[in-house]
């Protein structure tokens, strides 16, 4: 982990892996996103009562990068697993992530009107249905993993289900959200508290995505430790970049209201380190993340490229 006291000005030299220069990340992400979207489209069938299924599908199929499912698929493939083996978990991860966005946008939380360039769920269906849509997606995610995963030993599948629960509960996303709400308006939030918020609110599900893909494919404990460090670093870098984009990007680029962190008087990384210092910290984290994958050489090219994408993205 990088220092919590000041921006790290010296970063590790970017790793060079044979074949990395010819890897087309854009095509890779687009192809994997298309596969995930197709699986998600099939995952929820509208039935009675139609309103709740429509609300669940409205947010689930609203677009997005599908980064968490793609990380799960890529990590499973790193250990010679297959896409069919990991796709149910990939879909469940997106269901859980979508739940968190629906609830995060509610007036009682971040109170946002737009998400992924569309009206938020509660603006279309009302707060009551939005809450229930999030609840429905969360519950269905666990059912979907348990029912639809094929070719994975029960012991490994049980570990994945447990890890998903851990990532969402007070030990993960929920705990991070609580501290985030408690810190709104405070002027003396320490960087350690900010790390706690985002390693739980954002990082826990990203780490579960990567860890789950590896477990499904039967990775060794040493691999899981290495991948957890990779995931922790890219998760924190992802949030640092999000904080920067909230200041520098437009609403059209973000797909949601810009400048909300400042208006809500939230502590952010740029508020502590400045924009340039925050960029340096994010890049240092990405370099550390990629270093964890060096042992896998060319097989890790997709995960290394995704790490670079975290800091290069503009929306």
C-alpha atoms as a PDB file:
ATOM      1  CA  UNK A   1       0.000   0.000   0.000  1.00  0.00           C
ATOM      2  CA  UNK A   2       1.280   3.489  -0.759  1.00  0.00           C
ATOM      3  CA  UNK A   3       1.966   5.987   2.012  1.00  0.00           C
ATOM      4  CA  UNK A   4      -1.106   7.568   3.556  1.00  0.00           C
ATOM      5  CA  UNK A   5       0.682  10.801   4.446  1.00  0.00           C
ATOM      6  CA  UNK A   6       1.877  12.357   1.206  1.00  0.00           C
ATOM      7  CA  UNK A   7       1.790  11.749  -2.541  1.00  0.00           C
ATOM      8  CA  UNK A   8       4.303   9.238  -3.796  1.00  0.00           C
ATOM      9  CA  UNK A   9       6.357  10.970  -6.445  1.00  0.00           C
ATOM     10  CA  UNK A  10       8.417   7.997  -7.490  1.00  0.00           C
ATOM     11  CA  UNK A  11       6.565   5.146  -9.155  1.00  0.00           C
ATOM     12  CA  UNK A  12       7.820   1.794 -10.279  1.00  0.00           C
ATOM     13  CA  UNK A  13       8.776   1.455 -13.886  1.00  0.00           C
ATOM     14  CA  UNK A  14       5.874   0.085 -15.943  1.00  0.00           C
ATOM     15  CA  UNK A  15       6.138  -3.621 -16.490  1.00  0.00           C
ATOM     16  CA  UNK A  16       6.888  -4.803 -19.980  1.00  0.00           C
ATOM     17  CA  UNK A  17       5.421  -8.159 -20.947  1.00  0.00           C
ATOM     18  CA  UNK A  18       5.974  -9.830 -24.293  1.00  0.00           C
ATOM     19  CA  UNK A  19       2.809  -9.523 -26.362  1.00  0.00           C
ATOM     20  CA  UNK A  20       1.356  -6.668 -24.298  1.00  0.00           C
ATOM     21  CA  UNK A  21       1.946  -4.068 -27.016  1.00  0.00           C
ATOM     22  CA  UNK A  22      -0.188  -6.012 -29.510  1.00  0.00           C
ATOM     23  CA  UNK A  23      -3.055  -6.633 -27.077  1.00  0.00           C
ATOM     24  CA  UNK A  24      -6.181  -4.710 -28.096  1.00  0.00           C
ATOM     25  CA  UNK A  25      -7.815  -3.823 -24.792  1.00  0.00           C
ATOM     26  CA  UNK A  26     -10.694  -1.949 -26.385  1.00  0.00           C
ATOM     27  CA  UNK A  27     -11.721  -4.962 -28.459  1.00  0.00           C
ATOM     28  CA  UNK A  28     -11.245  -7.280 -25.474  1.00  0.00           C
ATOM     29  CA  UNK A  29     -13.437  -5.145 -23.210  1.00  0.00           C
ATOM     30  CA  UNK A  30     -16.088  -4.707 -25.881  1.00  0.00           C
ATOM     31  CA  UNK A  31     -16.276  -8.435 -26.614  1.00  0.00           C
ATOM     32  CA  UNK A  32     -16.435  -9.374 -22.932  1.00  0.00           C
ATOM     33  CA  UNK A  33     -18.995  -6.629 -22.249  1.00  0.00           C
ATOM     34  CA  UNK A  34     -21.157  -7.969 -25.086  1.00  0.00           C
ATOM     35  CA  UNK A  35     -21.014 -11.501 -23.671  1.00  0.00           C
ATOM     36  CA  UNK A  36     -21.899 -10.261 -20.194  1.00  0.00           C
ATOM     37  CA  UNK A  37     -24.779  -8.178 -21.539  1.00  0.00           C
ATOM     38  CA  UNK A  38     -26.159 -11.189 -23.393  1.00  0.00           C
ATOM     39  CA  UNK A  39     -26.000 -13.295 -20.232  1.00  0.00           C
ATOM     40  CA  UNK A  40     -27.603 -10.559 -18.141  1.00  0.00           C
ATOM     41  CA  UNK A  41     -30.360 -10.124 -20.727  1.00  0.00           C
ATOM     42  CA  UNK A  42     -31.245 -13.800 -20.282  1.00  0.00           C
ATOM     43  CA  UNK A  43     -30.899 -13.771 -16.509  1.00  0.00           C
ATOM     44  CA  UNK A  44     -34.127 -11.961 -15.571  1.00  0.00           C
ATOM     45  CA  UNK A  45     -37.437 -12.768 -17.246  1.00  0.00           C
ATOM     46  CA  UNK A  46     -40.296 -10.314 -16.683  1.00  0.00           C
ATOM     47  CA  UNK A  47     -43.250 -11.979 -14.990  1.00  0.00           C
ATOM     48  CA  UNK A  48     -45.902 -11.017 -12.461  1.00  0.00           C
ATOM     49  CA  UNK A  49     -45.604  -8.552 -10.731  1.00  0.00           C
ATOM     50  CA  UNK A  50     -44.126  -6.955 -13.821  1.00  0.00           C
ATOM     51  CA  UNK A  51     -43.273  -3.624 -12.171  1.00  0.00           C
ATOM     52  CA  UNK A  52     -40.540  -5.006  -9.958  1.00  0.00           C
ATOM     53  CA  UNK A  53     -38.941  -7.033 -12.735  1.00  0.00           C
ATOM     54  CA  UNK A  54     -39.061  -4.002 -15.025  1.00  0.00           C
ATOM     55  CA  UNK A  55     -37.365  -1.912 -12.330  1.00  0.00           C
ATOM     56  CA  UNK A  56     -34.663  -4.528 -11.768  1.00  0.00           C
ATOM     57  CA  UNK A  57     -33.974  -4.804 -15.489  1.00  0.00           C
ATOM     58  CA  UNK A  58     -34.077  -1.020 -15.973  1.00  0.00           C
ATOM     59  CA  UNK A  59     -30.947  -0.513 -13.904  1.00  0.00           C
ATOM     60  CA  UNK A  60     -29.268  -3.835 -14.656  1.00  0.00           C
ATOM     61  CA  UNK A  61     -29.436  -3.266 -18.418  1.00  0.00           C
ATOM     62  CA  UNK A  62     -28.682   0.475 -18.314  1.00  0.00           C
ATOM     63  CA  UNK A  63     -25.175  -0.045 -19.679  1.00  0.00           C
ATOM     64  CA  UNK A  64     -21.875   0.488 -17.929  1.00  0.00           C
ATOM     65  CA  UNK A  65     -18.374  -0.871 -18.329  1.00  0.00           C
ATOM     66  CA  UNK A  66     -19.203  -4.272 -16.738  1.00  0.00           C
ATOM     67  CA  UNK A  67     -15.745  -4.073 -15.145  1.00  0.00           C
ATOM     68  CA  UNK A  68     -16.483  -6.402 -12.239  1.00  0.00           C
ATOM     69  CA  UNK A  69     -17.848  -9.237 -14.398  1.00  0.00           C
ATOM     70  CA  UNK A  70     -14.972  -8.831 -16.847  1.00  0.00           C
ATOM     71  CA  UNK A  71     -12.420  -9.027 -14.023  1.00  0.00           C
ATOM     72  CA  UNK A  72     -14.062 -12.247 -12.831  1.00  0.00           C
ATOM     73  CA  UNK A  73     -13.969 -13.778 -16.315  1.00  0.00           C
ATOM     74  CA  UNK A  74     -10.373 -12.677 -16.954  1.00  0.00           C
ATOM     75  CA  UNK A  75      -9.102 -14.070 -13.648  1.00  0.00           C
ATOM     76  CA  UNK A  76     -10.853 -17.386 -14.185  1.00  0.00           C
ATOM     77  CA  UNK A  77      -9.217 -17.642 -17.618  1.00  0.00           C
ATOM     78  CA  UNK A  78      -5.829 -16.785 -16.098  1.00  0.00           C
ATOM     79  CA  UNK A  79      -6.007 -20.125 -14.272  1.00  0.00           C
ATOM     80  CA  UNK A  80      -7.357 -22.015 -17.292  1.00  0.00           C
ATOM     81  CA  UNK A  81     -10.994 -21.776 -16.267  1.00  0.00           C
ATOM     82  CA  UNK A  82     -13.729 -21.211 -18.829  1.00  0.00           C
ATOM     83  CA  UNK A  83     -16.227 -18.463 -19.533  1.00  0.00           C
ATOM     84  CA  UNK A  84     -19.268 -20.747 -18.948  1.00  0.00           C
ATOM     85  CA  UNK A  85     -17.780 -21.714 -15.593  1.00  0.00           C
ATOM     86  CA  UNK A  86     -17.472 -18.094 -14.418  1.00  0.00           C
ATOM     87  CA  UNK A  87     -20.334 -16.314 -16.213  1.00  0.00           C
ATOM     88  CA  UNK A  88     -23.004 -16.937 -13.531  1.00  0.00           C
ATOM     89  CA  UNK A  89     -20.751 -15.380 -10.899  1.00  0.00           C
ATOM     90  CA  UNK A  90     -19.900 -12.547 -13.295  1.00  0.00           C
ATOM     91  CA  UNK A  91     -23.622 -11.822 -13.712  1.00  0.00           C
ATOM     92  CA  UNK A  92     -24.185 -11.995  -9.956  1.00  0.00           C
ATOM     93  CA  UNK A  93     -21.415  -9.462  -9.397  1.00  0.00           C
ATOM     94  CA  UNK A  94     -23.123  -7.028 -11.778  1.00  0.00           C
ATOM     95  CA  UNK A  95     -26.470  -7.608 -10.023  1.00  0.00           C
ATOM     96  CA  UNK A  96     -24.865  -6.778  -6.676  1.00  0.00           C
ATOM     97  CA  UNK A  97     -23.088  -3.746  -8.127  1.00  0.00           C
ATOM     98  CA  UNK A  98     -26.333  -2.530  -9.670  1.00  0.00           C
ATOM     99  CA  UNK A  99     -28.102  -2.912  -6.326  1.00  0.00           C
ATOM    100  CA  UNK A 100     -25.438  -0.728  -4.725  1.00  0.00           C
ATOM    101  CA  UNK A 101     -25.929   1.957  -7.382  1.00  0.00           C
ATOM    102  CA  UNK A 102     -29.727   1.963  -7.014  1.00  0.00           C
ATOM    103  CA  UNK A 103     -29.471   2.344  -3.245  1.00  0.00           C
ATOM    104  CA  UNK A 104     -26.566   4.796  -3.412  1.00  0.00           C
ATOM    105  CA  UNK A 105     -28.626   7.126  -5.623  1.00  0.00           C
ATOM    106  CA  UNK A 106     -31.583   7.268  -3.207  1.00  0.00           C
ATOM    107  CA  UNK A 107     -32.430  10.589  -1.511  1.00  0.00           C
ATOM    108  CA  UNK A 108     -31.431   9.099   1.855  1.00  0.00           C
ATOM    109  CA  UNK A 109     -27.949   8.352   0.489  1.00  0.00           C
ATOM    110  CA  UNK A 110     -26.286  10.376  -2.308  1.00  0.00           C
ATOM    111  CA  UNK A 111     -29.560  11.704  -3.775  1.00  0.00           C
ATOM    112  CA  UNK A 112     -28.672  11.608  -7.468  1.00  0.00           C
ATOM    113  CA  UNK A 113     -31.027  11.986 -10.421  1.00  0.00           C
ATOM    114  CA  UNK A 114     -28.837  10.400 -13.105  1.00  0.00           C
ATOM    115  CA  UNK A 115     -26.843   7.202 -13.439  1.00  0.00           C
ATOM    116  CA  UNK A 116     -25.150   5.925 -16.601  1.00  0.00           C
ATOM    117  CA  UNK A 117     -26.728   8.809 -18.494  1.00  0.00           C
ATOM    118  CA  UNK A 118     -30.297   7.835 -17.552  1.00  0.00           C
ATOM    119  CA  UNK A 119     -32.699   8.832 -14.803  1.00  0.00           C
ATOM    120  CA  UNK A 120     -31.977   6.918 -11.619  1.00  0.00           C
ATOM    121  CA  UNK A 121     -34.251   4.081 -10.626  1.00  0.00           C
ATOM    122  CA  UNK A 122     -36.155   5.998  -7.947  1.00  0.00           C
ATOM    123  CA  UNK A 123     -36.828   8.881 -10.345  1.00  0.00           C
ATOM    124  CA  UNK A 124     -38.572   6.444 -12.709  1.00  0.00           C
ATOM    125  CA  UNK A 125     -40.216   3.953 -10.341  1.00  0.00           C
ATOM    126  CA  UNK A 126     -40.326   5.786  -6.999  1.00  0.00           C
ATOM    127  CA  UNK A 127     -38.262   5.267  -3.887  1.00  0.00           C
ATOM    128  CA  UNK A 128     -40.285   2.310  -2.640  1.00  0.00           C
ATOM    129  CA  UNK A 129     -39.879   0.253  -5.816  1.00  0.00           C
ATOM    130  CA  UNK A 130     -36.226   1.306  -6.167  1.00  0.00           C
ATOM    131  CA  UNK A 131     -35.437  -0.068  -2.714  1.00  0.00           C
ATOM    132  CA  UNK A 132     -37.226  -3.300  -3.541  1.00  0.00           C
ATOM    133  CA  UNK A 133     -35.514  -3.541  -6.953  1.00  0.00           C
ATOM    134  CA  UNK A 134     -32.145  -3.351  -5.219  1.00  0.00           C
ATOM    135  CA  UNK A 135     -33.225  -5.939  -2.664  1.00  0.00           C
ATOM    136  CA  UNK A 136     -34.494  -8.201  -5.447  1.00  0.00           C
ATOM    137  CA  UNK A 137     -31.217  -7.995  -7.370  1.00  0.00           C
ATOM    138  CA  UNK A 138     -29.144  -8.694  -4.267  1.00  0.00           C
ATOM    139  CA  UNK A 139     -31.120 -11.785  -3.308  1.00  0.00           C
ATOM    140  CA  UNK A 140     -31.296 -13.086  -6.863  1.00  0.00           C
ATOM    141  CA  UNK A 141     -27.532 -12.729  -7.290  1.00  0.00           C
ATOM    142  CA  UNK A 142     -26.883 -15.475  -4.733  1.00  0.00           C
ATOM    143  CA  UNK A 143     -29.589 -17.700  -6.190  1.00  0.00           C
ATOM    144  CA  UNK A 144     -28.165 -17.206  -9.663  1.00  0.00           C
ATOM    145  CA  UNK A 145     -24.652 -18.304  -8.644  1.00  0.00           C
ATOM    146  CA  UNK A 146     -25.920 -21.360  -6.774  1.00  0.00           C
ATOM    147  CA  UNK A 147     -28.362 -22.537  -9.446  1.00  0.00           C
ATOM    148  CA  UNK A 148     -26.566 -21.748 -12.693  1.00  0.00           C
ATOM    149  CA  UNK A 149     -22.871 -22.462 -12.025  1.00  0.00           C
ATOM    150  CA  UNK A 150     -21.749 -25.672 -13.723  1.00  0.00           C
ATOM    151  CA  UNK A 151     -18.498 -27.601 -13.644  1.00  0.00           C
ATOM    152  CA  UNK A 152     -17.248 -26.163 -10.343  1.00  0.00           C
ATOM    153  CA  UNK A 153     -16.766 -28.325  -7.220  1.00  0.00           C
ATOM    154  CA  UNK A 154     -19.297 -27.515  -4.479  1.00  0.00           C
ATOM    155  CA  UNK A 155     -16.561 -26.546  -2.008  1.00  0.00           C
ATOM    156  CA  UNK A 156     -15.181 -23.889  -4.365  1.00  0.00           C
ATOM    157  CA  UNK A 157     -18.648 -22.598  -5.173  1.00  0.00           C
ATOM    158  CA  UNK A 158     -19.455 -22.274  -1.474  1.00  0.00           C
ATOM    159  CA  UNK A 159     -16.325 -20.161  -0.983  1.00  0.00           C
ATOM    160  CA  UNK A 160     -17.452 -17.834  -3.780  1.00  0.00           C
ATOM    161  CA  UNK A 161     -20.939 -17.416  -2.290  1.00  0.00           C
ATOM    162  CA  UNK A 162     -19.447 -16.661   1.131  1.00  0.00           C
ATOM    163  CA  UNK A 163     -17.023 -14.125  -0.345  1.00  0.00           C
ATOM    164  CA  UNK A 164     -19.824 -12.318  -2.178  1.00  0.00           C
ATOM    165  CA  UNK A 165     -21.737 -12.004   1.075  1.00  0.00           C
ATOM    166  CA  UNK A 166     -18.636 -10.732   2.883  1.00  0.00           C
ATOM    167  CA  UNK A 167     -18.078  -8.102   0.183  1.00  0.00           C
ATOM    168  CA  UNK A 168     -21.613  -6.716   0.529  1.00  0.00           C
ATOM    169  CA  UNK A 169     -22.176  -6.889   4.299  1.00  0.00           C
ATOM    170  CA  UNK A 170     -20.957  -4.584   7.069  1.00  0.00           C
ATOM    171  CA  UNK A 171     -17.544  -6.151   6.417  1.00  0.00           C
ATOM    172  CA  UNK A 172     -17.574  -4.617   2.932  1.00  0.00           C
ATOM    173  CA  UNK A 173     -19.821  -2.322   0.931  1.00  0.00           C
ATOM    174  CA  UNK A 174     -22.357  -1.604   3.684  1.00  0.00           C
ATOM    175  CA  UNK A 175     -19.661  -0.777   6.226  1.00  0.00           C
ATOM    176  CA  UNK A 176     -17.928   1.574   3.818  1.00  0.00           C
ATOM    177  CA  UNK A 177     -21.198   3.335   3.024  1.00  0.00           C
ATOM    178  CA  UNK A 178     -21.942   3.887   6.723  1.00  0.00           C
ATOM    179  CA  UNK A 179     -18.610   5.609   7.352  1.00  0.00           C
ATOM    180  CA  UNK A 180     -19.013   7.586   4.121  1.00  0.00           C
ATOM    181  CA  UNK A 181     -22.356   8.954   5.352  1.00  0.00           C
ATOM    182  CA  UNK A 182     -20.948   9.726   8.798  1.00  0.00           C
ATOM    183  CA  UNK A 183     -18.072  11.718   7.284  1.00  0.00           C
ATOM    184  CA  UNK A 184     -20.199  14.014   5.104  1.00  0.00           C
ATOM    185  CA  UNK A 185     -19.573  17.638   6.022  1.00  0.00           C
ATOM    186  CA  UNK A 186     -16.591  16.866   8.294  1.00  0.00           C
ATOM    187  CA  UNK A 187     -13.474  18.909   7.621  1.00  0.00           C
ATOM    188  CA  UNK A 188     -10.905  16.756   9.448  1.00  0.00           C
ATOM    189  CA  UNK A 189     -11.335  13.368   7.760  1.00  0.00           C
ATOM    190  CA  UNK A 190      -8.007  11.531   7.813  1.00  0.00           C
ATOM    191  CA  UNK A 191      -6.644   9.694   4.809  1.00  0.00           C
ATOM    192  CA  UNK A 192      -6.797   6.405   6.749  1.00  0.00           C
ATOM    193  CA  UNK A 193     -10.563   6.886   7.114  1.00  0.00           C
ATOM    194  CA  UNK A 194     -10.859   7.660   3.416  1.00  0.00           C
ATOM    195  CA  UNK A 195      -8.950   4.462   2.628  1.00  0.00           C
ATOM    196  CA  UNK A 196     -11.341   2.512   4.868  1.00  0.00           C
ATOM    197  CA  UNK A 197     -14.406   3.959   3.140  1.00  0.00           C
ATOM    198  CA  UNK A 198     -13.256   3.175  -0.361  1.00  0.00           C
ATOM    199  CA  UNK A 199     -11.508  -0.145   0.281  1.00  0.00           C
ATOM    200  CA  UNK A 200     -14.886  -1.301   1.602  1.00  0.00           C
ATOM    201  CA  UNK A 201     -17.432   0.661  -0.444  1.00  0.00           C
ATOM    202  CA  UNK A 202     -15.664   0.203  -3.805  1.00  0.00           C
ATOM    203  CA  UNK A 203     -12.709  -2.103  -3.322  1.00  0.00           C
ATOM    204  CA  UNK A 204     -14.425  -5.024  -1.587  1.00  0.00           C
ATOM    205  CA  UNK A 205     -16.603  -5.960  -4.559  1.00  0.00           C
ATOM    206  CA  UNK A 206     -13.750  -5.435  -7.036  1.00  0.00           C
ATOM    207  CA  UNK A 207     -11.580  -7.725  -4.939  1.00  0.00           C
ATOM    208  CA  UNK A 208     -14.402 -10.284  -4.718  1.00  0.00           C
ATOM    209  CA  UNK A 209     -14.693 -10.208  -8.510  1.00  0.00           C
ATOM    210  CA  UNK A 210     -11.056 -11.117  -8.993  1.00  0.00           C
ATOM    211  CA  UNK A 211     -10.859 -13.538  -6.069  1.00  0.00           C
ATOM    212  CA  UNK A 212     -14.030 -15.368  -7.182  1.00  0.00           C
ATOM    213  CA  UNK A 213     -12.764 -15.890 -10.711  1.00  0.00           C
ATOM    214  CA  UNK A 214      -9.582 -17.431  -9.357  1.00  0.00           C
ATOM    215  CA  UNK A 215     -11.397 -19.686  -6.867  1.00  0.00           C
ATOM    216  CA  UNK A 216     -13.794 -20.966  -9.523  1.00  0.00           C
ATOM    217  CA  UNK A 217     -10.788 -22.094 -11.550  1.00  0.00           C
ATOM    218  CA  UNK A 218      -9.093 -23.750  -8.574  1.00  0.00           C
ATOM    219  CA  UNK A 219      -6.255 -21.276  -7.972  1.00  0.00           C
ATOM    220  CA  UNK A 220      -3.792 -21.953  -5.147  1.00  0.00           C
ATOM    221  CA  UNK A 221      -3.793 -19.939  -1.871  1.00  0.00           C
ATOM    222  CA  UNK A 222      -0.582 -18.154  -2.891  1.00  0.00           C
ATOM    223  CA  UNK A 223      -2.277 -17.030  -6.112  1.00  0.00           C
ATOM    224  CA  UNK A 224      -5.278 -15.755  -4.157  1.00  0.00           C
ATOM    225  CA  UNK A 225      -3.028 -13.685  -1.889  1.00  0.00           C
ATOM    226  CA  UNK A 226      -1.244 -12.186  -4.876  1.00  0.00           C
ATOM    227  CA  UNK A 227      -4.513 -11.394  -6.633  1.00  0.00           C
ATOM    228  CA  UNK A 228      -5.985  -9.857  -3.482  1.00  0.00           C
ATOM    229  CA  UNK A 229      -3.091  -7.407  -3.404  1.00  0.00           C
ATOM    230  CA  UNK A 230      -3.596  -6.650  -7.104  1.00  0.00           C
ATOM    231  CA  UNK A 231      -7.298  -6.102  -6.509  1.00  0.00           C
ATOM    232  CA  UNK A 232      -6.808  -3.906  -3.462  1.00  0.00           C
ATOM    233  CA  UNK A 233      -4.481  -1.634  -5.394  1.00  0.00           C
ATOM    234  CA  UNK A 234      -6.654  -1.245  -8.471  1.00  0.00           C
ATOM    235  CA  UNK A 235      -9.746  -0.768  -6.294  1.00  0.00           C
ATOM    236  CA  UNK A 236      -8.184   2.167  -4.471  1.00  0.00           C
ATOM    237  CA  UNK A 237      -6.782   3.593  -7.721  1.00  0.00           C
ATOM    238  CA  UNK A 238     -10.256   3.309  -9.270  1.00  0.00           C
ATOM    239  CA  UNK A 239     -11.746   5.436  -6.498  1.00  0.00           C
ATOM    240  CA  UNK A 240      -8.969   8.026  -6.682  1.00  0.00           C
ATOM    241  CA  UNK A 241      -9.659   8.435 -10.405  1.00  0.00           C
ATOM    242  CA  UNK A 242     -13.408   8.654  -9.683  1.00  0.00           C
ATOM    243  CA  UNK A 243     -12.717  11.494  -7.241  1.00  0.00           C
ATOM    244  CA  UNK A 244     -10.639  13.289  -9.871  1.00  0.00           C
ATOM    245  CA  UNK A 245     -13.283  12.837 -12.556  1.00  0.00           C
ATOM    246  CA  UNK A 246     -15.982  14.211 -10.247  1.00  0.00           C
ATOM    247  CA  UNK A 247     -14.038  17.479 -10.403  1.00  0.00           C
ATOM    248  CA  UNK A 248     -12.723  17.468 -13.971  1.00  0.00           C
ATOM    249  CA  UNK A 249     -15.380  15.669 -16.076  1.00  0.00           C
ATOM    250  CA  UNK A 250     -18.757  16.850 -17.325  1.00  0.00           C
ATOM    251  CA  UNK A 251     -22.109  15.249 -16.531  1.00  0.00           C
ATOM    252  CA  UNK A 252     -22.202  13.833 -20.068  1.00  0.00           C
ATOM    253  CA  UNK A 253     -18.807  12.191 -19.576  1.00  0.00           C
ATOM    254  CA  UNK A 254     -19.680  10.842 -16.139  1.00  0.00           C
ATOM    255  CA  UNK A 255     -23.211   9.732 -16.918  1.00  0.00           C
ATOM    256  CA  UNK A 256     -24.211  11.150 -13.528  1.00  0.00           C
ATOM    257  CA  UNK A 257     -24.247  14.545 -11.829  1.00  0.00           C
ATOM    258  CA  UNK A 258     -20.788  16.112 -11.765  1.00  0.00           C
ATOM    259  CA  UNK A 259     -19.385  17.918  -8.728  1.00  0.00           C
ATOM    260  CA  UNK A 260     -21.598  16.144  -6.200  1.00  0.00           C
ATOM    261  CA  UNK A 261     -18.729  15.300  -3.842  1.00  0.00           C
ATOM    262  CA  UNK A 262     -17.855  18.978  -3.495  1.00  0.00           C
ATOM    263  CA  UNK A 263     -21.478  20.011  -2.965  1.00  0.00           C
ATOM    264  CA  UNK A 264     -21.953  17.297  -0.341  1.00  0.00           C
ATOM    265  CA  UNK A 265     -18.707  18.407   1.368  1.00  0.00           C
ATOM    266  CA  UNK A 266     -17.288  14.918   1.096  1.00  0.00           C
ATOM    267  CA  UNK A 267     -13.674  14.204   1.839  1.00  0.00           C
ATOM    268  CA  UNK A 268     -11.969  13.115  -1.372  1.00  0.00           C
ATOM    269  CA  UNK A 269      -8.428  12.279  -2.403  1.00  0.00           C
ATOM    270  CA  UNK A 270      -8.007  15.515  -4.398  1.00  0.00           C
ATOM    271  CA  UNK A 271      -9.143  17.487  -1.340  1.00  0.00           C
ATOM    272  CA  UNK A 272      -6.268  15.913   0.601  1.00  0.00           C
ATOM    273  CA  UNK A 273      -3.562  15.591  -2.056  1.00  0.00           C
ATOM    274  CA  UNK A 274      -4.627  17.852  -4.913  1.00  0.00           C
ATOM    275  CA  UNK A 275      -5.422  16.608  -8.403  1.00  0.00           C
ATOM    276  CA  UNK A 276      -1.848  16.030  -9.533  1.00  0.00           C
ATOM    277  CA  UNK A 277      -0.859  14.374  -6.265  1.00  0.00           C
ATOM    278  CA  UNK A 278      -3.894  12.115  -6.537  1.00  0.00           C
ATOM    279  CA  UNK A 279      -2.920  11.123 -10.077  1.00  0.00           C
ATOM    280  CA  UNK A 280       0.551  10.200  -8.841  1.00  0.00           C
ATOM    281  CA  UNK A 281      -0.906   8.074  -6.061  1.00  0.00           C
ATOM    282  CA  UNK A 282      -3.248   6.282  -8.481  1.00  0.00           C
ATOM    283  CA  UNK A 283      -0.416   5.507 -10.883  1.00  0.00           C
ATOM    284  CA  UNK A 284       1.775   4.203  -8.056  1.00  0.00           C
ATOM    285  CA  UNK A 285      -1.014   1.837  -7.032  1.00  0.00           C
ATOM    286  CA  UNK A 286      -1.423   0.587 -10.601  1.00  0.00           C
ATOM    287  CA  UNK A 287       2.318  -0.062 -10.902  1.00  0.00           C
ATOM    288  CA  UNK A 288       2.211  -2.077  -7.675  1.00  0.00           C
ATOM    289  CA  UNK A 289      -0.820  -3.994  -8.885  1.00  0.00           C
ATOM    290  CA  UNK A 290       0.873  -4.946 -12.155  1.00  0.00           C
ATOM    291  CA  UNK A 291       4.000  -6.038 -10.299  1.00  0.00           C
ATOM    292  CA  UNK A 292       1.898  -8.666  -8.502  1.00  0.00           C
ATOM    293  CA  UNK A 293       1.043 -10.224 -11.880  1.00  0.00           C
ATOM    294  CA  UNK A 294       4.564 -10.387 -13.305  1.00  0.00           C
ATOM    295  CA  UNK A 295       4.885 -14.063 -12.342  1.00  0.00           C
ATOM    296  CA  UNK A 296       2.108 -14.992 -14.792  1.00  0.00           C
ATOM    297  CA  UNK A 297       3.829 -13.343 -17.790  1.00  0.00           C
ATOM    298  CA  UNK A 298       1.736 -13.255 -20.990  1.00  0.00           C
ATOM    299  CA  UNK A 299      -1.280 -14.948 -19.403  1.00  0.00           C
ATOM    300  CA  UNK A 300      -1.795 -11.865 -17.239  1.00  0.00           C
ATOM    301  CA  UNK A 301      -1.836  -9.357 -20.125  1.00  0.00           C
ATOM    302  CA  UNK A 302      -5.620  -8.735 -19.929  1.00  0.00           C
ATOM    303  CA  UNK A 303      -5.483  -8.025 -16.189  1.00  0.00           C
ATOM    304  CA  UNK A 304      -2.444  -5.780 -16.612  1.00  0.00           C
ATOM    305  CA  UNK A 305      -4.150  -3.867 -19.399  1.00  0.00           C
ATOM    306  CA  UNK A 306      -7.285  -3.462 -17.278  1.00  0.00           C
ATOM    307  CA  UNK A 307      -5.121  -2.035 -14.489  1.00  0.00           C
ATOM    308  CA  UNK A 308      -3.791   0.598 -16.898  1.00  0.00           C
ATOM    309  CA  UNK A 309      -7.346   1.307 -18.046  1.00  0.00           C
ATOM    310  CA  UNK A 310      -8.321   2.262 -14.483  1.00  0.00           C
ATOM    311  CA  UNK A 311      -6.115   5.358 -14.531  1.00  0.00           C
ATOM    312  CA  UNK A 312      -6.509   6.136 -18.240  1.00  0.00           C
ATOM    313  CA  UNK A 313     -10.331   6.262 -18.283  1.00  0.00           C
ATOM    314  CA  UNK A 314     -12.112   9.571 -18.748  1.00  0.00           C
ATOM    315  CA  UNK A 315     -15.599   8.567 -17.610  1.00  0.00           C
END
